[in-house]
Amino acid sequence: MILARIVGTVVATRKDARLEGKKLLVVKPISPQGDDESGYMIAVDTVDSGFRETVLVVTGSSARNAVECKDRPVDAAIVGIVDEVMLDTLHEAELAAARKK
């Protein structure tokens, strides 16, 4: 699973018929701390997520097995809306030390 933030939408007037009615969103992978990571992805929204929300994205066969994506040409699907990310305090301290270097 990939932690990501929704940063945009994709409008496609012509697309595979199996994608008709599916919302396509641009997502940016993020770290558990909420920092942007490199790259962008286009994902099918299966959970009615919105702009700037933090979401869980699955890719490959996991995306094709998402409820609304079965038998559709999908490589990435949004399968959850994240309320909160918590890391253990030891890991947080290691990350803070690494950032200072």
N, C-alpha and C. Protein backbone atom coordinates (compact mmCIF):
# COMPACT_ATOMS: atom_id res chain seq x y z
N MET A 1 0.83 -1.18 0.00
CA MET A 1 0.00 0.00 0.00
C MET A 1 0.88 1.24 0.00
N ILE A 2 0.35 2.28 -0.59
CA ILE A 2 1.07 3.54 -0.70
C ILE A 2 0.25 4.62 0.00
N LEU A 3 0.92 5.38 0.84
CA LEU A 3 0.29 6.52 1.48
C LEU A 3 0.42 7.70 0.52
N ALA A 4 -0.68 8.40 0.24
CA ALA A 4 -0.64 9.47 -0.76
C ALA A 4 -1.64 10.56 -0.40
N ARG A 5 -1.46 11.71 -1.07
CA ARG A 5 -2.37 12.83 -0.92
C ARG A 5 -2.98 13.14 -2.28
N ILE A 6 -4.27 13.42 -2.31
CA ILE A 6 -4.94 13.76 -3.56
C ILE A 6 -4.59 15.20 -3.91
N VAL A 7 -4.07 15.38 -5.14
CA VAL A 7 -3.64 16.71 -5.56
C VAL A 7 -4.35 17.20 -6.83
N GLY A 8 -5.17 16.37 -7.43
CA GLY A 8 -5.85 16.81 -8.65
C GLY A 8 -6.78 15.77 -9.21
N THR A 9 -7.41 16.11 -10.32
CA THR A 9 -8.33 15.20 -10.99
C THR A 9 -7.91 15.06 -12.45
N VAL A 10 -8.40 14.00 -13.07
CA VAL A 10 -8.16 13.76 -14.49
C VAL A 10 -9.52 13.70 -15.17
N VAL A 11 -9.67 14.48 -16.23
CA VAL A 11 -10.89 14.45 -17.03
C VAL A 11 -10.52 13.83 -18.37
N ALA A 12 -11.17 12.74 -18.71
CA ALA A 12 -10.90 12.06 -19.97
C ALA A 12 -12.24 11.86 -20.70
N THR A 13 -12.43 12.59 -21.76
CA THR A 13 -13.71 12.48 -22.48
C THR A 13 -13.81 11.18 -23.25
N ARG A 14 -12.67 10.62 -23.62
CA ARG A 14 -12.66 9.31 -24.30
C ARG A 14 -11.79 8.37 -23.49
N LYS A 15 -12.36 7.24 -23.11
CA LYS A 15 -11.61 6.26 -22.34
C LYS A 15 -12.26 4.90 -22.52
N ASP A 16 -11.61 3.87 -22.04
CA ASP A 16 -12.15 2.52 -22.09
C ASP A 16 -13.54 2.52 -21.47
N ALA A 17 -14.47 1.88 -22.10
CA ALA A 17 -15.86 1.86 -21.63
C ALA A 17 -15.98 1.34 -20.20
N ARG A 18 -15.06 0.47 -19.80
CA ARG A 18 -15.11 -0.09 -18.44
C ARG A 18 -14.72 0.93 -17.38
N LEU A 19 -14.19 2.08 -17.81
CA LEU A 19 -13.84 3.15 -16.87
C LEU A 19 -14.90 4.25 -16.82
N GLU A 20 -15.94 4.12 -17.62
CA GLU A 20 -17.01 5.12 -17.60
C GLU A 20 -17.60 5.22 -16.20
N GLY A 21 -17.79 6.45 -15.73
CA GLY A 21 -18.37 6.68 -14.41
C GLY A 21 -17.40 6.56 -13.25
N LYS A 22 -16.14 6.26 -13.54
CA LYS A 22 -15.13 6.14 -12.48
C LYS A 22 -14.37 7.45 -12.35
N LYS A 23 -14.18 7.92 -11.11
CA LYS A 23 -13.45 9.16 -10.85
C LYS A 23 -11.95 8.84 -10.85
N LEU A 24 -11.20 9.56 -11.68
CA LEU A 24 -9.75 9.41 -11.76
C LEU A 24 -9.09 10.58 -11.05
N LEU A 25 -8.21 10.28 -10.11
CA LEU A 25 -7.57 11.32 -9.31
C LEU A 25 -6.06 11.25 -9.42
N VAL A 26 -5.42 12.41 -9.34
CA VAL A 26 -3.96 12.49 -9.31
C VAL A 26 -3.55 12.45 -7.84
N VAL A 27 -2.68 11.50 -7.50
CA VAL A 27 -2.21 11.38 -6.12
C VAL A 27 -0.69 11.53 -6.08
N LYS A 28 -0.21 12.10 -4.99
CA LYS A 28 1.22 12.28 -4.76
C LYS A 28 1.62 11.44 -3.55
N PRO A 29 2.52 10.48 -3.72
CA PRO A 29 2.98 9.70 -2.57
C PRO A 29 3.56 10.61 -1.50
N ILE A 30 3.32 10.25 -0.23
CA ILE A 30 3.85 11.01 0.90
C ILE A 30 4.47 10.06 1.91
N SER A 31 5.32 10.60 2.76
CA SER A 31 5.92 9.82 3.84
C SER A 31 4.90 9.72 4.99
N PRO A 32 5.14 8.87 5.97
CA PRO A 32 4.24 8.81 7.13
C PRO A 32 4.14 10.14 7.88
N GLN A 33 5.16 11.00 7.73
CA GLN A 33 5.14 12.30 8.38
C GLN A 33 4.36 13.33 7.55
N GLY A 34 3.96 12.96 6.35
CA GLY A 34 3.21 13.87 5.49
C GLY A 34 4.04 14.64 4.49
N ASP A 35 5.34 14.34 4.42
CA ASP A 35 6.22 15.02 3.46
C ASP A 35 6.06 14.41 2.07
N ASP A 36 6.06 15.25 1.06
CA ASP A 36 5.94 14.78 -0.32
C ASP A 36 7.11 13.90 -0.71
N GLU A 37 6.80 12.85 -1.45
CA GLU A 37 7.83 12.00 -2.05
C GLU A 37 7.78 12.23 -3.55
N SER A 38 8.71 11.64 -4.28
CA SER A 38 8.79 11.92 -5.71
C SER A 38 7.67 11.23 -6.49
N GLY A 39 7.30 11.85 -7.60
CA GLY A 39 6.37 11.27 -8.54
C GLY A 39 4.90 11.54 -8.26
N TYR A 40 4.09 11.15 -9.22
CA TYR A 40 2.64 11.25 -9.15
C TYR A 40 2.06 9.97 -9.72
N MET A 41 0.82 9.68 -9.39
CA MET A 41 0.11 8.54 -9.95
C MET A 41 -1.33 8.94 -10.23
N ILE A 42 -1.94 8.23 -11.16
CA ILE A 42 -3.37 8.39 -11.42
C ILE A 42 -4.02 7.15 -10.82
N ALA A 43 -5.06 7.36 -10.01
CA ALA A 43 -5.73 6.23 -9.35
C ALA A 43 -7.24 6.36 -9.48
N VAL A 44 -7.91 5.23 -9.57
CA VAL A 44 -9.37 5.20 -9.57
C VAL A 44 -9.84 5.32 -8.13
N ASP A 45 -10.78 6.21 -7.88
CA ASP A 45 -11.31 6.43 -6.53
C ASP A 45 -12.44 5.45 -6.25
N THR A 46 -12.27 4.60 -5.24
CA THR A 46 -13.33 3.64 -4.88
C THR A 46 -14.01 3.99 -3.56
N VAL A 47 -13.55 5.09 -2.91
CA VAL A 47 -14.07 5.41 -1.57
C VAL A 47 -14.61 6.84 -1.46
N ASP A 48 -14.83 7.50 -2.60
CA ASP A 48 -15.36 8.86 -2.63
C ASP A 48 -14.49 9.83 -1.83
N SER A 49 -13.19 9.81 -2.09
CA SER A 49 -12.26 10.70 -1.40
C SER A 49 -12.27 12.07 -2.07
N GLY A 50 -11.64 13.05 -1.40
CA GLY A 50 -11.66 14.42 -1.89
C GLY A 50 -10.30 15.06 -1.91
N PHE A 51 -10.24 16.25 -2.51
CA PHE A 51 -9.00 17.01 -2.69
C PHE A 51 -8.28 17.21 -1.36
N ARG A 52 -6.97 16.98 -1.39
CA ARG A 52 -6.05 17.15 -0.26
C ARG A 52 -6.20 16.09 0.84
N GLU A 53 -7.09 15.13 0.67
CA GLU A 53 -7.20 14.06 1.68
C GLU A 53 -6.03 13.11 1.55
N THR A 54 -5.64 12.52 2.67
CA THR A 54 -4.63 11.49 2.69
C THR A 54 -5.33 10.16 2.48
N VAL A 55 -4.80 9.36 1.56
CA VAL A 55 -5.47 8.11 1.17
C VAL A 55 -4.50 6.95 1.10
N LEU A 56 -5.05 5.75 1.05
CA LEU A 56 -4.28 4.54 0.81
C LEU A 56 -4.51 4.11 -0.63
N VAL A 57 -3.41 3.87 -1.34
CA VAL A 57 -3.48 3.47 -2.75
C VAL A 57 -2.85 2.09 -2.88
N VAL A 58 -3.52 1.23 -3.63
CA VAL A 58 -2.94 -0.08 -3.97
C VAL A 58 -2.70 -0.11 -5.47
N THR A 59 -1.72 -0.91 -5.88
CA THR A 59 -1.38 -1.00 -7.29
C THR A 59 -1.37 -2.45 -7.76
N GLY A 60 -1.27 -2.62 -9.07
CA GLY A 60 -1.16 -3.95 -9.65
C GLY A 60 -2.40 -4.79 -9.43
N SER A 61 -2.19 -6.08 -9.14
CA SER A 61 -3.32 -7.00 -8.99
C SER A 61 -4.21 -6.62 -7.81
N SER A 62 -3.65 -5.99 -6.79
CA SER A 62 -4.47 -5.53 -5.66
C SER A 62 -5.46 -4.47 -6.12
N ALA A 63 -5.04 -3.59 -7.02
CA ALA A 63 -5.94 -2.56 -7.54
C ALA A 63 -7.04 -3.20 -8.39
N ARG A 64 -6.68 -4.17 -9.18
CA ARG A 64 -7.68 -4.83 -10.04
C ARG A 64 -8.67 -5.65 -9.22
N ASN A 65 -8.33 -5.97 -7.98
CA ASN A 65 -9.25 -6.73 -7.12
C ASN A 65 -10.08 -5.83 -6.21
N ALA A 66 -9.86 -4.53 -6.25
CA ALA A 66 -10.68 -3.61 -5.45
C ALA A 66 -12.13 -3.73 -5.92
N VAL A 67 -13.06 -3.53 -5.01
CA VAL A 67 -14.47 -3.77 -5.27
C VAL A 67 -14.97 -3.18 -6.58
N GLU A 68 -14.73 -1.92 -6.82
CA GLU A 68 -15.26 -1.26 -8.02
C GLU A 68 -14.36 -1.38 -9.23
N CYS A 69 -13.27 -2.15 -9.14
CA CYS A 69 -12.31 -2.22 -10.24
C CYS A 69 -12.20 -3.60 -10.87
N LYS A 70 -12.98 -4.53 -10.40
CA LYS A 70 -12.92 -5.90 -10.91
C LYS A 70 -13.11 -5.91 -12.42
N ASP A 71 -12.23 -6.59 -13.13
CA ASP A 71 -12.28 -6.72 -14.59
C ASP A 71 -12.24 -5.38 -15.32
N ARG A 72 -11.49 -4.43 -14.77
CA ARG A 72 -11.31 -3.12 -15.42
C ARG A 72 -9.81 -2.87 -15.60
N PRO A 73 -9.44 -2.06 -16.60
CA PRO A 73 -8.02 -1.78 -16.83
C PRO A 73 -7.48 -0.76 -15.83
N VAL A 74 -7.20 -1.23 -14.62
CA VAL A 74 -6.78 -0.34 -13.52
C VAL A 74 -5.44 -0.83 -12.97
N ASP A 75 -4.53 0.10 -12.77
CA ASP A 75 -3.25 -0.24 -12.16
C ASP A 75 -3.07 0.38 -10.79
N ALA A 76 -3.93 1.36 -10.42
CA ALA A 76 -3.86 1.99 -9.10
C ALA A 76 -5.28 2.34 -8.66
N ALA A 77 -5.58 2.03 -7.41
CA ALA A 77 -6.92 2.32 -6.87
C ALA A 77 -6.80 2.87 -5.46
N ILE A 78 -7.62 3.87 -5.17
CA ILE A 78 -7.71 4.43 -3.82
C ILE A 78 -8.69 3.56 -3.06
N VAL A 79 -8.22 2.94 -1.97
CA VAL A 79 -9.06 1.99 -1.23
C VAL A 79 -9.34 2.42 0.20
N GLY A 80 -8.80 3.55 0.62
CA GLY A 80 -9.06 3.99 1.99
C GLY A 80 -8.73 5.46 2.17
N ILE A 81 -9.44 6.10 3.09
CA ILE A 81 -9.17 7.47 3.49
C ILE A 81 -8.53 7.41 4.88
N VAL A 82 -7.35 8.03 5.01
CA VAL A 82 -6.57 7.94 6.25
C VAL A 82 -7.00 9.05 7.21
N ASP A 83 -7.32 8.66 8.43
CA ASP A 83 -7.64 9.64 9.47
C ASP A 83 -6.40 10.11 10.20
N GLU A 84 -5.48 9.18 10.45
CA GLU A 84 -4.29 9.51 11.24
C GLU A 84 -3.21 8.48 10.99
N VAL A 85 -1.96 8.92 11.02
CA VAL A 85 -0.81 8.02 10.92
C VAL A 85 -0.02 8.18 12.21
N MET A 86 0.24 7.08 12.90
CA MET A 86 1.02 7.13 14.13
C MET A 86 2.21 6.19 14.02
N LEU A 87 3.38 6.69 14.35
CA LEU A 87 4.59 5.89 14.39
C LEU A 87 5.04 5.77 15.83
N ASP A 88 5.77 4.69 16.14
CA ASP A 88 6.25 4.57 17.51
C ASP A 88 7.31 5.64 17.77
N THR A 89 7.48 6.01 19.02
CA THR A 89 8.35 7.13 19.38
C THR A 89 9.82 6.86 19.05
N LEU A 90 10.26 5.62 19.11
CA LEU A 90 11.64 5.29 18.77
C LEU A 90 11.90 5.60 17.30
N HIS A 91 10.98 5.22 16.44
CA HIS A 91 11.14 5.48 15.01
C HIS A 91 11.13 6.99 14.74
N GLU A 92 10.27 7.71 15.42
CA GLU A 92 10.21 9.17 15.26
C GLU A 92 11.55 9.80 15.63
N ALA A 93 12.17 9.35 16.71
CA ALA A 93 13.46 9.88 17.14
C ALA A 93 14.54 9.59 16.11
N GLU A 94 14.53 8.40 15.52
CA GLU A 94 15.50 8.05 14.49
C GLU A 94 15.34 8.95 13.27
N LEU A 95 14.11 9.20 12.87
CA LEU A 95 13.86 10.06 11.72
C LEU A 95 14.32 11.49 11.98
N ALA A 96 14.06 11.99 13.18
CA ALA A 96 14.47 13.35 13.52
C ALA A 96 15.99 13.47 13.50
N ALA A 97 16.69 12.44 14.01
CA ALA A 97 18.16 12.45 14.01
C ALA A 97 18.70 12.40 12.59
N ALA A 98 18.08 11.62 11.73
CA ALA A 98 18.51 11.51 10.34
C ALA A 98 18.33 12.82 9.60
N ARG A 99 17.27 13.56 9.90
CA ARG A 99 17.03 14.83 9.23
C ARG A 99 18.05 15.89 9.62
N LYS A 100 18.59 15.80 10.83
CA LYS A 100 19.58 16.77 11.31
C LYS A 100 20.93 16.59 10.64
N LYS A 101 21.21 15.39 10.11
CA LYS A 101 22.51 15.10 9.49
C LYS A 101 22.66 15.81 8.18
